Amino acid sequence: MSAFMRVMAEELLEITEGCRGSMHEPDEQELELAGITGTKLGNDFGTTVRERAVYEGYQEVVFSLRRTLYEESGSWKEEKLVSFNLTNLIALARIGAVKVLEETEDR
């Protein structure tokens, strides 16, 4: 796995820490979609949103996740925001899917 994919995996696990493994009802763990832009699959520009590409309709799909963390007292502690290129996230999911299939073949 490339260093880039490793960093993306670490960012994904960090922003979703404490969420259910199935990602069922992530809003209950204070995870929300903060924004999404683009209509094209591709990963030439990573998470860069280019105004001209948006206007001309060739912006790659980039989305951001926001996680608001609170103290036990209920007061605000910190907010995390991370952006992903959808195509890169699909690539990461494929790596995971291959591992799942390999593990289940042995059973």
N, C-alpha and C. Protein backbone atom coordinates (compact mmCIF):
# COMPACT_ATOMS: atom_id res chain seq x y z
N MET A 1 0.86 -1.18 0.00
CA MET A 1 0.00 0.00 0.00
C MET A 1 0.90 1.24 0.00
N SER A 2 0.55 2.21 -0.81
CA SER A 2 1.35 3.43 -0.90
C SER A 2 1.23 4.25 0.38
N ALA A 3 2.20 5.13 0.58
CA ALA A 3 2.18 6.02 1.75
C ALA A 3 0.92 6.88 1.74
N PHE A 4 0.52 7.33 0.55
CA PHE A 4 -0.68 8.16 0.43
C PHE A 4 -1.91 7.41 0.90
N MET A 5 -2.05 6.16 0.48
CA MET A 5 -3.21 5.36 0.87
C MET A 5 -3.19 5.10 2.38
N ARG A 6 -2.00 4.91 2.92
CA ARG A 6 -1.87 4.69 4.36
C ARG A 6 -2.34 5.92 5.14
N VAL A 7 -1.93 7.10 4.69
CA VAL A 7 -2.36 8.34 5.35
C VAL A 7 -3.87 8.48 5.26
N MET A 8 -4.44 8.21 4.10
CA MET A 8 -5.89 8.31 3.94
C MET A 8 -6.60 7.32 4.87
N ALA A 9 -6.08 6.11 4.97
CA ALA A 9 -6.66 5.11 5.87
C ALA A 9 -6.60 5.60 7.31
N GLU A 10 -5.49 6.18 7.71
CA GLU A 10 -5.35 6.70 9.07
C GLU A 10 -6.35 7.83 9.32
N GLU A 11 -6.50 8.74 8.35
CA GLU A 11 -7.46 9.84 8.49
C GLU A 11 -8.89 9.32 8.61
N LEU A 12 -9.22 8.32 7.80
CA LEU A 12 -10.56 7.74 7.84
C LEU A 12 -10.84 7.08 9.19
N LEU A 13 -9.87 6.32 9.68
CA LEU A 13 -10.07 5.66 10.97
C LEU A 13 -10.13 6.66 12.11
N GLU A 14 -9.36 7.73 12.01
CA GLU A 14 -9.38 8.75 13.06
C GLU A 14 -10.72 9.48 13.12
N ILE A 15 -11.23 9.89 11.97
CA ILE A 15 -12.48 10.66 11.95
C ILE A 15 -13.67 9.77 12.34
N THR A 16 -13.57 8.46 12.11
CA THR A 16 -14.67 7.55 12.43
C THR A 16 -14.45 6.77 13.72
N GLU A 17 -13.42 7.11 14.47
CA GLU A 17 -13.14 6.41 15.73
C GLU A 17 -14.36 6.45 16.65
N GLY A 18 -14.71 5.30 17.18
CA GLY A 18 -15.87 5.22 18.06
C GLY A 18 -17.18 4.96 17.35
N CYS A 19 -17.18 5.03 16.03
CA CYS A 19 -18.40 4.72 15.27
C CYS A 19 -18.57 3.20 15.18
N ARG A 20 -19.77 2.76 14.95
CA ARG A 20 -20.02 1.34 14.76
C ARG A 20 -19.25 0.84 13.54
N GLY A 21 -18.82 -0.39 13.58
CA GLY A 21 -18.10 -0.98 12.46
C GLY A 21 -18.91 -0.96 11.18
N SER A 22 -20.23 -1.08 11.30
CA SER A 22 -21.12 -1.07 10.14
C SER A 22 -21.40 0.35 9.65
N MET A 23 -20.97 1.35 10.40
CA MET A 23 -21.25 2.77 10.14
C MET A 23 -22.75 3.06 10.15
N HIS A 24 -23.51 2.24 10.88
CA HIS A 24 -24.95 2.47 11.04
C HIS A 24 -25.16 3.69 11.94
N GLU A 25 -25.97 4.63 11.48
CA GLU A 25 -26.33 5.85 12.20
C GLU A 25 -25.10 6.60 12.74
N PRO A 26 -24.21 7.01 11.83
CA PRO A 26 -23.00 7.72 12.28
C PRO A 26 -23.30 9.05 12.96
N ASP A 27 -24.47 9.62 12.67
CA ASP A 27 -24.84 10.88 13.31
C ASP A 27 -24.96 10.72 14.82
N GLU A 28 -25.25 9.51 15.27
CA GLU A 28 -25.33 9.27 16.71
C GLU A 28 -23.96 9.31 17.38
N GLN A 29 -22.90 9.23 16.56
CA GLN A 29 -21.53 9.37 17.06
C GLN A 29 -20.95 10.72 16.64
N GLU A 30 -21.85 11.66 16.32
CA GLU A 30 -21.49 13.05 15.98
C GLU A 30 -20.69 13.17 14.69
N LEU A 31 -20.86 12.24 13.75
CA LEU A 31 -20.20 12.30 12.46
C LEU A 31 -21.22 12.75 11.43
N GLU A 32 -20.86 13.74 10.63
CA GLU A 32 -21.79 14.24 9.62
C GLU A 32 -21.07 14.62 8.34
N LEU A 33 -21.82 14.66 7.27
CA LEU A 33 -21.31 15.11 5.99
C LEU A 33 -21.25 16.63 6.03
N ALA A 34 -20.05 17.17 5.88
CA ALA A 34 -19.88 18.61 5.97
C ALA A 34 -20.01 19.30 4.61
N GLY A 35 -19.79 18.55 3.55
CA GLY A 35 -19.91 19.13 2.22
C GLY A 35 -19.51 18.13 1.16
N ILE A 36 -20.03 18.35 -0.03
CA ILE A 36 -19.70 17.50 -1.16
C ILE A 36 -19.77 18.35 -2.42
N THR A 37 -18.82 18.15 -3.30
CA THR A 37 -18.82 18.87 -4.57
C THR A 37 -18.26 17.96 -5.65
N GLY A 38 -18.63 18.24 -6.87
CA GLY A 38 -18.11 17.49 -8.00
C GLY A 38 -19.09 16.48 -8.55
N THR A 39 -18.80 16.05 -9.77
CA THR A 39 -19.65 15.08 -10.45
C THR A 39 -18.85 14.00 -11.17
N LYS A 40 -17.55 14.10 -11.19
CA LYS A 40 -16.71 13.18 -11.95
C LYS A 40 -15.89 12.29 -11.05
N LEU A 41 -15.75 11.04 -11.44
CA LEU A 41 -14.83 10.15 -10.75
C LEU A 41 -13.45 10.34 -11.36
N GLY A 42 -12.49 10.50 -10.53
CA GLY A 42 -11.11 10.68 -10.94
C GLY A 42 -10.31 11.11 -9.73
N ASN A 43 -9.00 10.94 -9.79
CA ASN A 43 -8.20 11.33 -8.64
C ASN A 43 -6.93 12.08 -9.02
N ASP A 44 -6.99 12.78 -10.13
CA ASP A 44 -5.83 13.57 -10.55
C ASP A 44 -5.53 14.71 -9.60
N PHE A 45 -6.55 15.27 -8.95
CA PHE A 45 -6.36 16.47 -8.14
C PHE A 45 -6.61 16.24 -6.65
N GLY A 46 -6.74 14.98 -6.24
CA GLY A 46 -6.91 14.68 -4.82
C GLY A 46 -8.13 15.36 -4.24
N THR A 47 -7.94 16.10 -3.15
CA THR A 47 -9.05 16.77 -2.49
C THR A 47 -9.15 18.25 -2.87
N THR A 48 -8.42 18.64 -3.91
CA THR A 48 -8.46 20.03 -4.36
C THR A 48 -9.78 20.31 -5.08
N VAL A 49 -10.47 21.35 -4.64
CA VAL A 49 -11.69 21.79 -5.33
C VAL A 49 -11.30 23.00 -6.16
N ARG A 50 -11.50 22.90 -7.45
CA ARG A 50 -11.12 23.97 -8.37
C ARG A 50 -12.37 24.66 -8.88
N GLU A 51 -12.46 25.94 -8.63
CA GLU A 51 -13.67 26.71 -8.98
C GLU A 51 -14.03 26.56 -10.45
N ARG A 52 -13.06 26.64 -11.32
CA ARG A 52 -13.34 26.53 -12.75
C ARG A 52 -13.87 25.13 -13.10
N ALA A 53 -13.30 24.11 -12.46
CA ALA A 53 -13.76 22.74 -12.72
C ALA A 53 -15.21 22.55 -12.26
N VAL A 54 -15.55 23.16 -11.12
CA VAL A 54 -16.94 23.08 -10.64
C VAL A 54 -17.86 23.76 -11.65
N TYR A 55 -17.49 24.97 -12.06
CA TYR A 55 -18.31 25.76 -12.98
C TYR A 55 -18.47 25.04 -14.32
N GLU A 56 -17.39 24.42 -14.82
CA GLU A 56 -17.44 23.78 -16.13
C GLU A 56 -17.88 22.32 -16.07
N GLY A 57 -18.13 21.80 -14.86
CA GLY A 57 -18.70 20.47 -14.72
C GLY A 57 -17.73 19.31 -14.77
N TYR A 58 -16.45 19.56 -14.52
CA TYR A 58 -15.52 18.44 -14.50
C TYR A 58 -14.75 18.31 -13.19
N GLN A 59 -15.35 18.81 -12.13
CA GLN A 59 -14.74 18.67 -10.81
C GLN A 59 -14.88 17.23 -10.32
N GLU A 60 -13.79 16.68 -9.83
CA GLU A 60 -13.83 15.36 -9.22
C GLU A 60 -14.63 15.43 -7.92
N VAL A 61 -15.29 14.32 -7.55
CA VAL A 61 -16.10 14.29 -6.33
C VAL A 61 -15.19 14.32 -5.10
N VAL A 62 -15.38 15.35 -4.30
CA VAL A 62 -14.67 15.52 -3.04
C VAL A 62 -15.72 15.76 -1.97
N PHE A 63 -15.58 15.06 -0.86
CA PHE A 63 -16.52 15.29 0.23
C PHE A 63 -15.76 15.43 1.54
N SER A 64 -16.38 16.11 2.48
CA SER A 64 -15.77 16.34 3.78
C SER A 64 -16.66 15.78 4.87
N LEU A 65 -16.02 15.19 5.86
CA LEU A 65 -16.70 14.68 7.04
C LEU A 65 -16.32 15.55 8.23
N ARG A 66 -17.30 15.82 9.08
CA ARG A 66 -17.07 16.62 10.28
C ARG A 66 -17.45 15.78 11.50
N ARG A 67 -16.62 15.85 12.51
CA ARG A 67 -16.89 15.15 13.77
C ARG A 67 -16.72 16.14 14.89
N THR A 68 -17.78 16.36 15.63
CA THR A 68 -17.73 17.26 16.77
C THR A 68 -17.63 16.41 18.03
N LEU A 69 -16.60 16.68 18.80
CA LEU A 69 -16.36 15.93 20.03
C LEU A 69 -16.71 16.79 21.23
N TYR A 70 -17.30 16.16 22.22
CA TYR A 70 -17.74 16.87 23.42
C TYR A 70 -17.08 16.28 24.65
N GLU A 71 -16.91 17.11 25.67
CA GLU A 71 -16.45 16.65 26.98
C GLU A 71 -17.58 15.83 27.61
N GLU A 72 -17.27 15.07 28.64
CA GLU A 72 -18.32 14.30 29.33
C GLU A 72 -19.39 15.22 29.90
N SER A 73 -19.01 16.46 30.22
CA SER A 73 -19.97 17.42 30.76
C SER A 73 -20.95 17.92 29.71
N GLY A 74 -20.66 17.61 28.43
CA GLY A 74 -21.52 18.07 27.35
C GLY A 74 -21.03 19.33 26.67
N SER A 75 -19.96 19.91 27.18
CA SER A 75 -19.43 21.12 26.54
C SER A 75 -18.57 20.73 25.34
N TRP A 76 -18.52 21.64 24.37
CA TRP A 76 -17.77 21.41 23.14
C TRP A 76 -16.30 21.24 23.44
N LYS A 77 -15.67 20.26 22.82
CA LYS A 77 -14.24 20.01 23.03
C LYS A 77 -13.45 20.38 21.78
N GLU A 78 -13.77 19.75 20.67
CA GLU A 78 -13.05 20.03 19.42
C GLU A 78 -13.87 19.56 18.23
N GLU A 79 -13.50 20.06 17.08
CA GLU A 79 -14.15 19.65 15.84
C GLU A 79 -13.07 19.19 14.88
N LYS A 80 -13.30 18.04 14.26
CA LYS A 80 -12.37 17.51 13.27
C LYS A 80 -13.06 17.58 11.91
N LEU A 81 -12.30 17.93 10.90
CA LEU A 81 -12.81 17.99 9.54
C LEU A 81 -11.77 17.34 8.63
N VAL A 82 -12.22 16.42 7.80
CA VAL A 82 -11.30 15.77 6.87
C VAL A 82 -12.02 15.60 5.53
N SER A 83 -11.26 15.78 4.45
CA SER A 83 -11.82 15.67 3.10
C SER A 83 -11.23 14.46 2.39
N PHE A 84 -12.06 13.85 1.55
CA PHE A 84 -11.65 12.68 0.77
C PHE A 84 -12.08 12.85 -0.67
N ASN A 85 -11.26 12.37 -1.57
CA ASN A 85 -11.64 12.24 -2.97
C ASN A 85 -12.36 10.89 -3.07
N LEU A 86 -13.55 10.88 -3.65
CA LEU A 86 -14.36 9.66 -3.69
C LEU A 86 -13.63 8.52 -4.40
N THR A 87 -12.95 8.79 -5.49
CA THR A 87 -12.26 7.74 -6.22
C THR A 87 -11.16 7.12 -5.36
N ASN A 88 -10.44 7.95 -4.61
CA ASN A 88 -9.41 7.41 -3.73
C ASN A 88 -10.02 6.55 -2.63
N LEU A 89 -11.17 6.96 -2.12
CA LEU A 89 -11.84 6.19 -1.09
C LEU A 89 -12.34 4.85 -1.64
N ILE A 90 -12.80 4.85 -2.89
CA ILE A 90 -13.20 3.59 -3.54
C ILE A 90 -11.99 2.67 -3.66
N ALA A 91 -10.84 3.22 -4.01
CA ALA A 91 -9.61 2.42 -4.10
C ALA A 91 -9.28 1.79 -2.75
N LEU A 92 -9.42 2.57 -1.68
CA LEU A 92 -9.16 2.05 -0.34
C LEU A 92 -10.17 0.96 0.03
N ALA A 93 -11.42 1.15 -0.33
CA ALA A 93 -12.45 0.15 -0.07
C ALA A 93 -12.16 -1.14 -0.83
N ARG A 94 -11.65 -1.02 -2.03
CA ARG A 94 -11.31 -2.22 -2.81
C ARG A 94 -10.22 -3.04 -2.14
N ILE A 95 -9.23 -2.33 -1.56
CA ILE A 95 -8.16 -3.03 -0.84
C ILE A 95 -8.78 -3.82 0.31
N GLY A 96 -9.69 -3.17 1.05
CA GLY A 96 -10.36 -3.85 2.15
C GLY A 96 -11.22 -5.00 1.68
N ALA A 97 -11.90 -4.82 0.55
CA ALA A 97 -12.77 -5.88 0.02
C ALA A 97 -11.96 -7.11 -0.36
N VAL A 98 -10.80 -6.91 -0.95
CA VAL A 98 -9.93 -8.04 -1.31
C VAL A 98 -9.51 -8.79 -0.06
N LYS A 99 -9.15 -8.06 0.99
CA LYS A 99 -8.75 -8.71 2.24
C LYS A 99 -9.90 -9.51 2.85
N VAL A 100 -11.11 -8.95 2.81
CA VAL A 100 -12.28 -9.67 3.34
C VAL A 100 -12.49 -10.97 2.56
N LEU A 101 -12.41 -10.90 1.24
CA LEU A 101 -12.60 -12.10 0.42
C LEU A 101 -11.52 -13.13 0.68
N GLU A 102 -10.28 -12.69 0.81
CA GLU A 102 -9.19 -13.62 1.10
C GLU A 102 -9.39 -14.31 2.44
N GLU A 103 -9.82 -13.55 3.44
CA GLU A 103 -10.04 -14.12 4.78
C GLU A 103 -11.19 -15.11 4.80
N THR A 104 -12.25 -14.82 4.05
CA THR A 104 -13.43 -15.70 4.07
C THR A 104 -13.23 -16.94 3.19
N GLU A 105 -12.30 -16.91 2.24
CA GLU A 105 -12.02 -18.09 1.42
C GLU A 105 -11.40 -19.19 2.24
N ASP A 106 -10.64 -18.82 3.26
CA ASP A 106 -9.94 -19.80 4.10
C ASP A 106 -10.86 -20.56 5.02
N ARG A 107 -12.08 -20.11 5.16
CA ARG A 107 -13.01 -20.74 6.13
C ARG A 107 -13.79 -21.86 5.53
